[in-house]
PDB file of N, CA and C in Angstrom:
ATOM      1  N   MET A   1     150.563  97.461 139.309  1.00  0.00           N
ATOM      2  CA  MET A   1     150.731  96.343 140.212  1.00  0.00           C
ATOM      3  C   MET A   1     150.890  95.083 139.376  1.00  0.00           C
ATOM      4  N   LYS A   2     151.785  94.238 139.801  1.00  0.00           N
ATOM      5  CA  LYS A   2     152.070  93.024 139.052  1.00  0.00           C
ATOM      6  C   LYS A   2     151.644  91.792 139.833  1.00  0.00           C
ATOM      7  N   PHE A   3     150.880  90.931 139.147  1.00  0.00           N
ATOM      8  CA  PHE A   3     150.445  89.658 139.710  1.00  0.00           C
ATOM      9  C   PHE A   3     151.095  88.526 138.922  1.00  0.00           C
ATOM     10  N   ALA A   4     151.632  87.556 139.632  1.00  0.00           N
ATOM     11  CA  ALA A   4     152.165  86.353 139.003  1.00  0.00           C
ATOM     12  C   ALA A   4     151.278  85.182 139.403  1.00  0.00           C
ATOM     13  N   CYS A   5     150.914  84.387 138.433  1.00  0.00           N
ATOM     14  CA  CYS A   5     150.139  83.169 138.667  1.00  0.00           C
ATOM     15  C   CYS A   5     151.127  82.014 138.511  1.00  0.00           C
ATOM     16  N   VAL A   6     151.240  81.225 139.550  1.00  0.00           N
ATOM     17  CA  VAL A   6     152.312  80.227 139.607  1.00  0.00           C
ATOM     18  C   VAL A   6     151.735  78.820 139.707  1.00  0.00           C
ATOM     19  N   CYS A   7     152.314  77.923 138.905  1.00  0.00           N
ATOM     20  CA  CYS A   7     151.981  76.501 139.030  1.00  0.00           C
ATOM     21  C   CYS A   7     153.269  75.690 138.869  1.00  0.00           C
ATOM     22  N   GLN A   8     153.160  74.408 138.950  1.00  0.00           N
ATOM     23  CA  GLN A   8     154.336  73.533 138.909  1.00  0.00           C
ATOM     24  C   GLN A   8     155.139  73.716 137.630  1.00  0.00           C
ATOM     25  N   SER A   9     154.462  73.728 136.482  1.00  0.00           N
ATOM     26  CA  SER A   9     155.185  73.801 135.214  1.00  0.00           C
ATOM     27  C   SER A   9     155.107  75.165 134.535  1.00  0.00           C
ATOM     28  N   GLY A  10     154.241  76.050 135.008  1.00  0.00           N
ATOM     29  CA  GLY A  10     154.132  77.378 134.416  1.00  0.00           C
ATOM     30  C   GLY A  10     153.371  77.419 133.112  1.00  0.00           C
ATOM     31  N   LEU A  11     152.566  76.400 132.859  1.00  0.00           N
ATOM     32  CA  LEU A  11     151.853  76.337 131.589  1.00  0.00           C
ATOM     33  C   LEU A  11     150.341  76.487 131.795  1.00  0.00           C
ATOM     34  N   GLY A  12     149.613  75.427 131.697  1.00  0.00           N
ATOM     35  CA  GLY A  12     148.153  75.469 131.672  1.00  0.00           C
ATOM     36  C   GLY A  12     147.479  76.026 132.899  1.00  0.00           C
ATOM     37  N   THR A  13     147.799  75.502 134.058  1.00  0.00           N
ATOM     38  CA  THR A  13     147.111  75.913 135.281  1.00  0.00           C
ATOM     39  C   THR A  13     147.354  77.379 135.598  1.00  0.00           C
ATOM     40  N   SER A  14     148.586  77.795 135.551  1.00  0.00           N
ATOM     41  CA  SER A  14     148.884  79.189 135.871  1.00  0.00           C
ATOM     42  C   SER A  14     148.295  80.130 134.828  1.00  0.00           C
ATOM     43  N   PHE A  15     148.260  79.706 133.584  1.00  0.00           N
ATOM     44  CA  PHE A  15     147.658  80.536 132.538  1.00  0.00           C
ATOM     45  C   PHE A  15     146.157  80.668 132.765  1.00  0.00           C
ATOM     46  N   MET A  16     145.507  79.592 133.199  1.00  0.00           N
ATOM     47  CA  MET A  16     144.074  79.636 133.488  1.00  0.00           C
ATOM     48  C   MET A  16     143.798  80.616 134.639  1.00  0.00           C
ATOM     49  N   VAL A  17     144.608  80.579 135.681  1.00  0.00           N
ATOM     50  CA  VAL A  17     144.444  81.510 136.802  1.00  0.00           C
ATOM     51  C   VAL A  17     144.656  82.942 136.311  1.00  0.00           C
ATOM     52  N   GLN A  18     145.650  83.146 135.467  1.00  0.00           N
ATOM     53  CA  GLN A  18     145.905  84.473 134.908  1.00  0.00           C
ATOM     54  C   GLN A  18     144.686  84.988 134.147  1.00  0.00           C
ATOM     55  N   MET A  19     144.096  84.158 133.312  1.00  0.00           N
ATOM     56  CA  MET A  19     142.920  84.565 132.540  1.00  0.00           C
ATOM     57  C   MET A  19     141.734  84.853 133.467  1.00  0.00           C
ATOM     58  N   ASN A  20     141.572  84.049 134.511  1.00  0.00           N
ATOM     59  CA  ASN A  20     140.499  84.298 135.485  1.00  0.00           C
ATOM     60  C   ASN A  20     140.702  85.634 136.191  1.00  0.00           C
ATOM     61  N   LEU A  21     141.930  85.923 136.604  1.00  0.00           N
ATOM     62  CA  LEU A  21     142.193  87.192 137.289  1.00  0.00           C
ATOM     63  C   LEU A  21     141.943  88.378 136.365  1.00  0.00           C
ATOM     64  N   GLN A  22     142.321  88.235 135.113  1.00  0.00           N
ATOM     65  CA  GLN A  22     142.085  89.314 134.158  1.00  0.00           C
ATOM     66  C   GLN A  22     140.582  89.575 134.017  1.00  0.00           C
ATOM     67  N   ALA A  23     139.799  88.518 133.876  1.00  0.00           N
ATOM     68  CA  ALA A  23     138.340  88.664 133.766  1.00  0.00           C
ATOM     69  C   ALA A  23     137.755  89.259 135.041  1.00  0.00           C
ATOM     70  N   LEU A  24     138.254  88.845 136.195  1.00  0.00           N
ATOM     71  CA  LEU A  24     137.753  89.357 137.469  1.00  0.00           C
ATOM     72  C   LEU A  24     138.088  90.834 137.657  1.00  0.00           C
ATOM     73  N   LEU A  25     139.253  91.254 137.208  1.00  0.00           N
ATOM     74  CA  LEU A  25     139.600  92.672 137.278  1.00  0.00           C
ATOM     75  C   LEU A  25     138.630  93.493 136.431  1.00  0.00           C
ATOM     76  N   GLN A  26     138.304  92.987 135.254  1.00  0.00           N
ATOM     77  CA  GLN A  26     137.348  93.678 134.393  1.00  0.00           C
ATOM     78  C   GLN A  26     135.971  93.720 135.043  1.00  0.00           C
ATOM     79  N   GLU A  27     135.536  92.592 135.597  1.00  0.00           N
ATOM     80  CA  GLU A  27     134.243  92.534 136.274  1.00  0.00           C
ATOM     81  C   GLU A  27     134.187  93.485 137.462  1.00  0.00           C
ATOM     82  N   ALA A  28     135.333  93.732 138.078  1.00  0.00           N
ATOM     83  CA  ALA A  28     135.400  94.621 139.233  1.00  0.00           C
ATOM     84  C   ALA A  28     135.417  96.089 138.814  1.00  0.00           C
ATOM     85  N   GLY A  29     135.363  96.327 137.505  1.00  0.00           N
ATOM     86  CA  GLY A  29     135.333  97.694 137.006  1.00  0.00           C
ATOM     87  C   GLY A  29     136.686  98.375 136.986  1.00  0.00           C
ATOM     88  N   LEU A  30     137.747  97.591 136.987  1.00  0.00           N
ATOM     89  CA  LEU A  30     139.099  98.155 137.006  1.00  0.00           C
ATOM     90  C   LEU A  30     139.703  98.163 135.610  1.00  0.00           C
ATOM     91  N   ASP A  31     140.613  99.087 135.389  1.00  0.00           N
ATOM     92  CA  ASP A  31     141.335  99.176 134.129  1.00  0.00           C
ATOM     93  C   ASP A  31     142.444  98.129 134.157  1.00  0.00           C
ATOM     94  N   VAL A  32     142.269  97.076 133.384  1.00  0.00           N
ATOM     95  CA  VAL A  32     143.219  95.961 133.393  1.00  0.00           C
ATOM     96  C   VAL A  32     144.613  96.409 132.967  1.00  0.00           C
ATOM     97  N   SER A  33     144.695  97.463 132.174  1.00  0.00           N
ATOM     98  CA  SER A  33     146.014  97.931 131.731  1.00  0.00           C
ATOM     99  C   SER A  33     146.849  98.485 132.888  1.00  0.00           C
ATOM    100  N   GLN A  34     146.220  98.732 134.026  1.00  0.00           N
ATOM    101  CA  GLN A  34     146.939  99.206 135.206  1.00  0.00           C
ATOM    102  C   GLN A  34     147.588  98.062 135.988  1.00  0.00           C
ATOM    103  N   PHE A  35     147.337  96.837 135.525  1.00  0.00           N
ATOM    104  CA  PHE A  35     147.866  95.640 136.182  1.00  0.00           C
ATOM    105  C   PHE A  35     148.684  94.848 135.174  1.00  0.00           C
ATOM    106  N   GLU A  36     149.750  94.263 135.652  1.00  0.00           N
ATOM    107  CA  GLU A  36     150.542  93.370 134.816  1.00  0.00           C
ATOM    108  C   GLU A  36     150.332  91.957 135.347  1.00  0.00           C
ATOM    109  N   LEU A  37     149.838  91.089 134.478  1.00  0.00           N
ATOM    110  CA  LEU A  37     149.592  89.703 134.862  1.00  0.00           C
ATOM    111  C   LEU A  37     150.512  88.802 134.066  1.00  0.00           C
ATOM    112  N   ASP A  38     151.100  87.845 134.766  1.00  0.00           N
ATOM    113  CA  ASP A  38     152.021  86.915 134.135  1.00  0.00           C
ATOM    114  C   ASP A  38     151.803  85.544 134.756  1.00  0.00           C
ATOM    115  N   HIS A  39     152.260  84.515 134.071  1.00  0.00           N
ATOM    116  CA  HIS A  39     152.220  83.177 134.661  1.00  0.00           C
ATOM    117  C   HIS A  39     153.614  82.578 134.551  1.00  0.00           C
ATOM    118  N   MET A  40     153.927  81.724 135.512  1.00  0.00           N
ATOM    119  CA  MET A  40     155.272  81.150 135.573  1.00  0.00           C
ATOM    120  C   MET A  40     155.263  79.864 136.383  1.00  0.00           C
ATOM    121  N   ASP A  41     156.385  79.144 136.275  1.00  0.00           N
ATOM    122  CA  ASP A  41     156.551  77.932 137.081  1.00  0.00           C
ATOM    123  C   ASP A  41     157.187  78.306 138.425  1.00  0.00           C
ATOM    124  N   VAL A  42     157.113  77.412 139.380  1.00  0.00           N
ATOM    125  CA  VAL A  42     157.612  77.703 140.729  1.00  0.00           C
ATOM    126  C   VAL A  42     159.105  78.023 140.733  1.00  0.00           C
ATOM    127  N   GLY A  43     159.866  77.418 139.852  1.00  0.00           N
ATOM    128  CA  GLY A  43     161.293  77.663 139.810  1.00  0.00           C
ATOM    129  C   GLY A  43     161.663  79.044 139.292  1.00  0.00           C
ATOM    130  N   SER A  44     160.755  79.674 138.550  1.00  0.00           N
ATOM    131  CA  SER A  44     161.014  81.006 137.992  1.00  0.00           C
ATOM    132  C   SER A  44     160.579  82.137 138.911  1.00  0.00           C
ATOM    133  N   ALA A  45     159.832  81.816 139.943  1.00  0.00           N
ATOM    134  CA  ALA A  45     159.298  82.848 140.841  1.00  0.00           C
ATOM    135  C   ALA A  45     160.400  83.377 141.757  1.00  0.00           C
ATOM    136  N   THR A  46     160.648  84.671 141.647  1.00  0.00           N
ATOM    137  CA  THR A  46     161.604  85.348 142.523  1.00  0.00           C
ATOM    138  C   THR A  46     160.877  86.496 143.215  1.00  0.00           C
ATOM    139  N   PRO A  47     161.325  86.919 144.374  1.00  0.00           N
ATOM    140  CA  PRO A  47     160.611  87.963 145.115  1.00  0.00           C
ATOM    141  C   PRO A  47     160.347  89.239 144.317  1.00  0.00           C
ATOM    142  N   ASP A  48     161.242  89.571 143.398  1.00  0.00           N
ATOM    143  CA  ASP A  48     161.062  90.803 142.642  1.00  0.00           C
ATOM    144  C   ASP A  48     160.299  90.622 141.329  1.00  0.00           C
ATOM    145  N   SER A  49     159.821  89.414 141.043  1.00  0.00           N
ATOM    146  CA  SER A  49     159.116  89.197 139.780  1.00  0.00           C
ATOM    147  C   SER A  49     157.644  89.595 139.838  1.00  0.00           C
ATOM    148  N   ALA A  50     157.103  89.878 141.025  1.00  0.00           N
ATOM    149  CA  ALA A  50     155.703  90.308 141.132  1.00  0.00           C
ATOM    150  C   ALA A  50     155.455  90.911 142.509  1.00  0.00           C
ATOM    151  N   ASP A  51     154.353  91.663 142.587  1.00  0.00           N
ATOM    152  CA  ASP A  51     153.919  92.197 143.877  1.00  0.00           C
ATOM    153  C   ASP A  51     153.176  91.133 144.676  1.00  0.00           C
ATOM    154  N   TYR A  52     152.419  90.291 143.950  1.00  0.00           N
ATOM    155  CA  TYR A  52     151.666  89.202 144.576  1.00  0.00           C
ATOM    156  C   TYR A  52     151.752  87.961 143.703  1.00  0.00           C
ATOM    157  N   PHE A  53     151.811  86.800 144.371  1.00  0.00           N
ATOM    158  CA  PHE A  53     151.908  85.521 143.688  1.00  0.00           C
ATOM    159  C   PHE A  53     150.667  84.687 144.023  1.00  0.00           C
ATOM    160  N   PHE A  54     149.835  84.436 143.038  1.00  0.00           N
ATOM    161  CA  PHE A  54     148.659  83.595 143.204  1.00  0.00           C
ATOM    162  C   PHE A  54     149.070  82.167 142.881  1.00  0.00           C
ATOM    163  N   VAL A  55     148.902  81.287 143.852  1.00  0.00           N
ATOM    164  CA  VAL A  55     149.407  79.921 143.720  1.00  0.00           C
ATOM    165  C   VAL A  55     148.453  78.950 144.402  1.00  0.00           C
ATOM    166  N   GLU A  56     148.335  77.762 143.839  1.00  0.00           N
ATOM    167  CA  GLU A  56     147.512  76.721 144.457  1.00  0.00           C
ATOM    168  C   GLU A  56     148.129  76.409 145.816  1.00  0.00           C
ATOM    169  N   ALA A  57     147.291  76.277 146.824  1.00  0.00           N
ATOM    170  CA  ALA A  57     147.732  76.195 148.218  1.00  0.00           C
ATOM    171  C   ALA A  57     148.780  75.106 148.477  1.00  0.00           C
ATOM    172  N   THR A  58     148.699  73.988 147.788  1.00  0.00           N
ATOM    173  CA  THR A  58     149.665  72.914 148.040  1.00  0.00           C
ATOM    174  C   THR A  58     151.061  73.241 147.525  1.00  0.00           C
ATOM    175  N   LEU A  59     151.198  74.298 146.722  1.00  0.00           N
ATOM    176  CA  LEU A  59     152.504  74.672 146.194  1.00  0.00           C
ATOM    177  C   LEU A  59     153.171  75.813 146.966  1.00  0.00           C
ATOM    178  N   VAL A  60     152.521  76.306 147.992  1.00  0.00           N
ATOM    179  CA  VAL A  60     153.094  77.414 148.765  1.00  0.00           C
ATOM    180  C   VAL A  60     154.483  77.050 149.286  1.00  0.00           C
ATOM    181  N   SER A  61     154.653  75.828 149.739  1.00  0.00           N
ATOM    182  CA  SER A  61     155.957  75.417 150.281  1.00  0.00           C
ATOM    183  C   SER A  61     157.048  75.362 149.207  1.00  0.00           C
ATOM    184  N   ALA A  62     156.656  75.369 147.937  1.00  0.00           N
ATOM    185  CA  ALA A  62     157.629  75.351 146.840  1.00  0.00           C
ATOM    186  C   ALA A  62     158.155  76.752 146.534  1.00  0.00           C
ATOM    187  N   LEU A  63     157.673  77.750 147.294  1.00  0.00           N
ATOM    188  CA  LEU A  63     158.101  79.133 147.099  1.00  0.00           C
ATOM    189  C   LEU A  63     158.781  79.682 148.358  1.00  0.00           C
ATOM    190  N   PRO A  64     159.836  79.018 148.837  1.00  0.00           N
ATOM    191  CA  PRO A  64     160.444  79.434 150.106  1.00  0.00           C
ATOM    192  C   PRO A  64     161.108  80.807 150.067  1.00  0.00           C
ATOM    193  N   ASN A  65     161.472  81.283 148.900  1.00  0.00           N
ATOM    194  CA  ASN A  65     162.155  82.577 148.798  1.00  0.00           C
ATOM    195  C   ASN A  65     161.198  83.762 148.637  1.00  0.00           C
ATOM    196  N   ILE A  66     159.914  83.465 148.502  1.00  0.00           N
ATOM    197  CA  ILE A  66     158.917  84.524 148.333  1.00  0.00           C
ATOM    198  C   ILE A  66     158.375  84.897 149.713  1.00  0.00           C
ATOM    199  N   PRO A  67     158.377  86.177 150.066  1.00  0.00           N
ATOM    200  CA  PRO A  67     157.821  86.584 151.364  1.00  0.00           C
ATOM    201  C   PRO A  67     156.355  86.145 151.485  1.00  0.00           C
ATOM    202  N   GLN A  68     156.008  85.623 152.634  1.00  0.00           N
ATOM    203  CA  GLN A  68     154.657  85.099 152.851  1.00  0.00           C
ATOM    204  C   GLN A  68     153.569  86.129 152.561  1.00  0.00           C
ATOM    205  N   GLU A  69     153.834  87.398 152.845  1.00  0.00           N
ATOM    206  CA  GLU A  69     152.812  88.423 152.621  1.00  0.00           C
ATOM    207  C   GLU A  69     152.546  88.679 151.141  1.00  0.00           C
ATOM    208  N   LYS A  70     153.426  88.163 150.278  1.00  0.00           N
ATOM    209  CA  LYS A  70     153.236  88.322 148.838  1.00  0.00           C
ATOM    210  C   LYS A  70     152.543  87.115 148.207  1.00  0.00           C
ATOM    211  N   ILE A  71     152.396  86.040 148.971  1.00  0.00           N
ATOM    212  CA  ILE A  71     151.793  84.812 148.451  1.00  0.00           C
ATOM    213  C   ILE A  71     150.298  84.813 148.729  1.00  0.00           C
ATOM    214  N   VAL A  72     149.530  84.538 147.671  1.00  0.00           N
ATOM    215  CA  VAL A  72     148.071  84.453 147.778  1.00  0.00           C
ATOM    216  C   VAL A  72     147.691  83.011 147.447  1.00  0.00           C
ATOM    217  N   PRO A  73     147.489  82.185 148.478  1.00  0.00           N
ATOM    218  CA  PRO A  73     147.163  80.776 148.215  1.00  0.00           C
ATOM    219  C   PRO A  73     145.709  80.614 147.768  1.00  0.00           C
ATOM    220  N   LEU A  74     145.507  79.751 146.796  1.00  0.00           N
ATOM    221  CA  LEU A  74     144.171  79.435 146.295  1.00  0.00           C
ATOM    222  C   LEU A  74     143.843  78.003 146.692  1.00  0.00           C
ATOM    223  N   THR A  75     142.741  77.808 147.379  1.00  0.00           N
ATOM    224  CA  THR A  75     142.371  76.461 147.815  1.00  0.00           C
ATOM    225  C   THR A  75     141.984  75.578 146.642  1.00  0.00           C
ATOM    226  N   THR A  76     141.567  76.190 145.552  1.00  0.00           N
ATOM    227  CA  THR A  76     141.302  75.481 144.306  1.00  0.00           C
ATOM    228  C   THR A  76     141.544  76.450 143.163  1.00  0.00           C
ATOM    229  N   ILE A  77     142.028  75.948 142.070  1.00  0.00           N
ATOM    230  CA  ILE A  77     142.328  76.845 140.952  1.00  0.00           C
ATOM    231  C   ILE A  77     141.211  76.873 139.918  1.00  0.00           C
ATOM    232  N   ILE A  78     140.213  76.026 140.072  1.00  0.00           N
ATOM    233  CA  ILE A  78     139.146  76.001 139.081  1.00  0.00           C
ATOM    234  C   ILE A  78     137.900  76.771 139.506  1.00  0.00           C
ATOM    235  N   ASP A  79     137.799  77.123 140.749  1.00  0.00           N
ATOM    236  CA  ASP A  79     136.636  77.859 141.233  1.00  0.00           C
ATOM    237  C   ASP A  79     136.903  79.360 141.130  1.00  0.00           C
ATOM    238  N   LYS A  80     136.164  80.017 140.240  1.00  0.00           N
ATOM    239  CA  LYS A  80     136.373  81.447 140.008  1.00  0.00           C
ATOM    240  C   LYS A  80     136.052  82.272 141.254  1.00  0.00           C
ATOM    241  N   GLU A  81     135.147  81.802 142.089  1.00  0.00           N
ATOM    242  CA  GLU A  81     134.796  82.539 143.311  1.00  0.00           C
ATOM    243  C   GLU A  81     135.947  82.536 144.310  1.00  0.00           C
ATOM    244  N   VAL A  82     136.698  81.463 144.352  1.00  0.00           N
ATOM    245  CA  VAL A  82     137.889  81.415 145.206  1.00  0.00           C
ATOM    246  C   VAL A  82     138.893  82.459 144.723  1.00  0.00           C
ATOM    247  N   ALA A  83     139.077  82.537 143.410  1.00  0.00           N
ATOM    248  CA  ALA A  83     139.990  83.539 142.841  1.00  0.00           C
ATOM    249  C   ALA A  83     139.471  84.950 143.106  1.00  0.00           C
ATOM    250  N   ARG A  84     138.153  85.139 143.003  1.00  0.00           N
ATOM    251  CA  ARG A  84     137.569  86.462 143.259  1.00  0.00           C
ATOM    252  C   ARG A  84     137.836  86.905 144.694  1.00  0.00           C
ATOM    253  N   THR A  85     137.596  86.020 145.643  1.00  0.00           N
ATOM    254  CA  THR A  85     137.824  86.338 147.048  1.00  0.00           C
ATOM    255  C   THR A  85     139.293  86.687 147.289  1.00  0.00           C
ATOM    256  N   ALA A  86     140.188  85.902 146.721  1.00  0.00           N
ATOM    257  CA  ALA A  86     141.625  86.160 146.886  1.00  0.00           C
ATOM    258  C   ALA A  86     142.018  87.493 146.256  1.00  0.00           C
ATOM    259  N   LEU A  87     141.516  87.754 145.065  1.00  0.00           N
ATOM    260  CA  LEU A  87     141.837  89.011 144.380  1.00  0.00           C
ATOM    261  C   LEU A  87     141.306  90.205 145.163  1.00  0.00           C
ATOM    262  N   TYR A  88     140.069  90.132 145.618  1.00  0.00           N
ATOM    263  CA  TYR A  88     139.480  91.251 146.359  1.00  0.00           C
ATOM    264  C   TYR A  88     140.217  91.492 147.674  1.00  0.00           C
ATOM    265  N   THR A  89     140.726  90.443 148.285  1.00  0.00           N
ATOM    266  CA  THR A  89     141.526  90.595 149.499  1.00  0.00           C
ATOM    267  C   THR A  89     142.775  91.418 149.206  1.00  0.00           C
ATOM    268  N   VAL A  90     143.423  91.121 148.089  1.00  0.00           N
ATOM    269  CA  VAL A  90     144.616  91.878 147.689  1.00  0.00           C
ATOM    270  C   VAL A  90     144.245  93.321 147.362  1.00  0.00           C
ATOM    271  N   LEU A  91     143.177  93.507 146.589  1.00  0.00           N
ATOM    272  CA  LEU A  91     142.763  94.862 146.216  1.00  0.00           C
ATOM    273  C   LEU A  91     142.433  95.685 147.457  1.00  0.00           C
ATOM    274  N   ASP A  92     141.731  95.080 148.402  1.00  0.00           N
ATOM    275  CA  ASP A  92     141.395  95.783 149.643  1.00  0.00           C
ATOM    276  C   ASP A  92     142.659  96.134 150.426  1.00  0.00           C
ATOM    277  N   ARG A  93     143.591  95.210 150.490  1.00  0.00           N
ATOM    278  CA  ARG A  93     144.857  95.442 151.198  1.00  0.00           C
ATOM    279  C   ARG A  93     145.612  96.627 150.588  1.00  0.00           C
ATOM    280  N   GLU A  94     145.493  96.769 149.281  1.00  0.00           N
ATOM    281  CA  GLU A  94     146.199  97.833 148.559  1.00  0.00           C
ATOM    282  C   GLU A  94     145.328  99.103 148.411  1.00  0.00           C
ATOM    283  N   ASN A  95     144.149  99.099 149.046  1.00  0.00           N
ATOM    284  CA  ASN A  95     143.224 100.229 148.966  1.00  0.00           C
ATOM    285  C   ASN A  95     142.830 100.582 147.537  1.00  0.00           C
ATOM    286  N   ILE A  96     142.579  99.560 146.735  1.00  0.00           N
ATOM    287  CA  ILE A  96     142.121  99.725 145.355  1.00  0.00           C
ATOM    288  C   ILE A  96     140.617  99.464 145.334  1.00  0.00           C
ATOM    289  N   ALA A  97     139.857 100.521 145.058  1.00  0.00           N
ATOM    290  CA  ALA A  97     138.397 100.401 145.045  1.00  0.00           C
ATOM    291  C   ALA A  97     137.964  99.487 143.892  1.00  0.00           C
ATOM    292  N   HIS A  98     136.947  98.688 144.154  1.00  0.00           N
ATOM    293  CA  HIS A  98     136.400  97.784 143.140  1.00  0.00           C
ATOM    294  C   HIS A  98     134.911  97.606 143.377  1.00  0.00           C
ATOM    295  N   GLN A  99     134.240  97.104 142.342  1.00  0.00           N
ATOM    296  CA  GLN A  99     132.790  96.890 142.448  1.00  0.00           C
ATOM    297  C   GLN A  99     132.482  95.609 143.170  1.00  0.00           C
TER     298      GLN A  99
END
């Protein structure tokens, strides 16, 4: 499964979300090698570039070509618990067991 972390410029913020998701996958007892995590800017995001797009909620409108069911809005990008809740929602949707 591929996750894309998206921010305006595709640099710091999206990379931070990517690192948080990687740590959360490990904490959930999952094999991180079974997931592909990437970060990108909003202009690089295409529907086929990931299964799910984690993005700060105010940037959702900047992704008009991405199907809504693939977008995972984050109300804040610095709170790891917000990322955990969003990640677990995706894992549950995909029937991926986690701790």
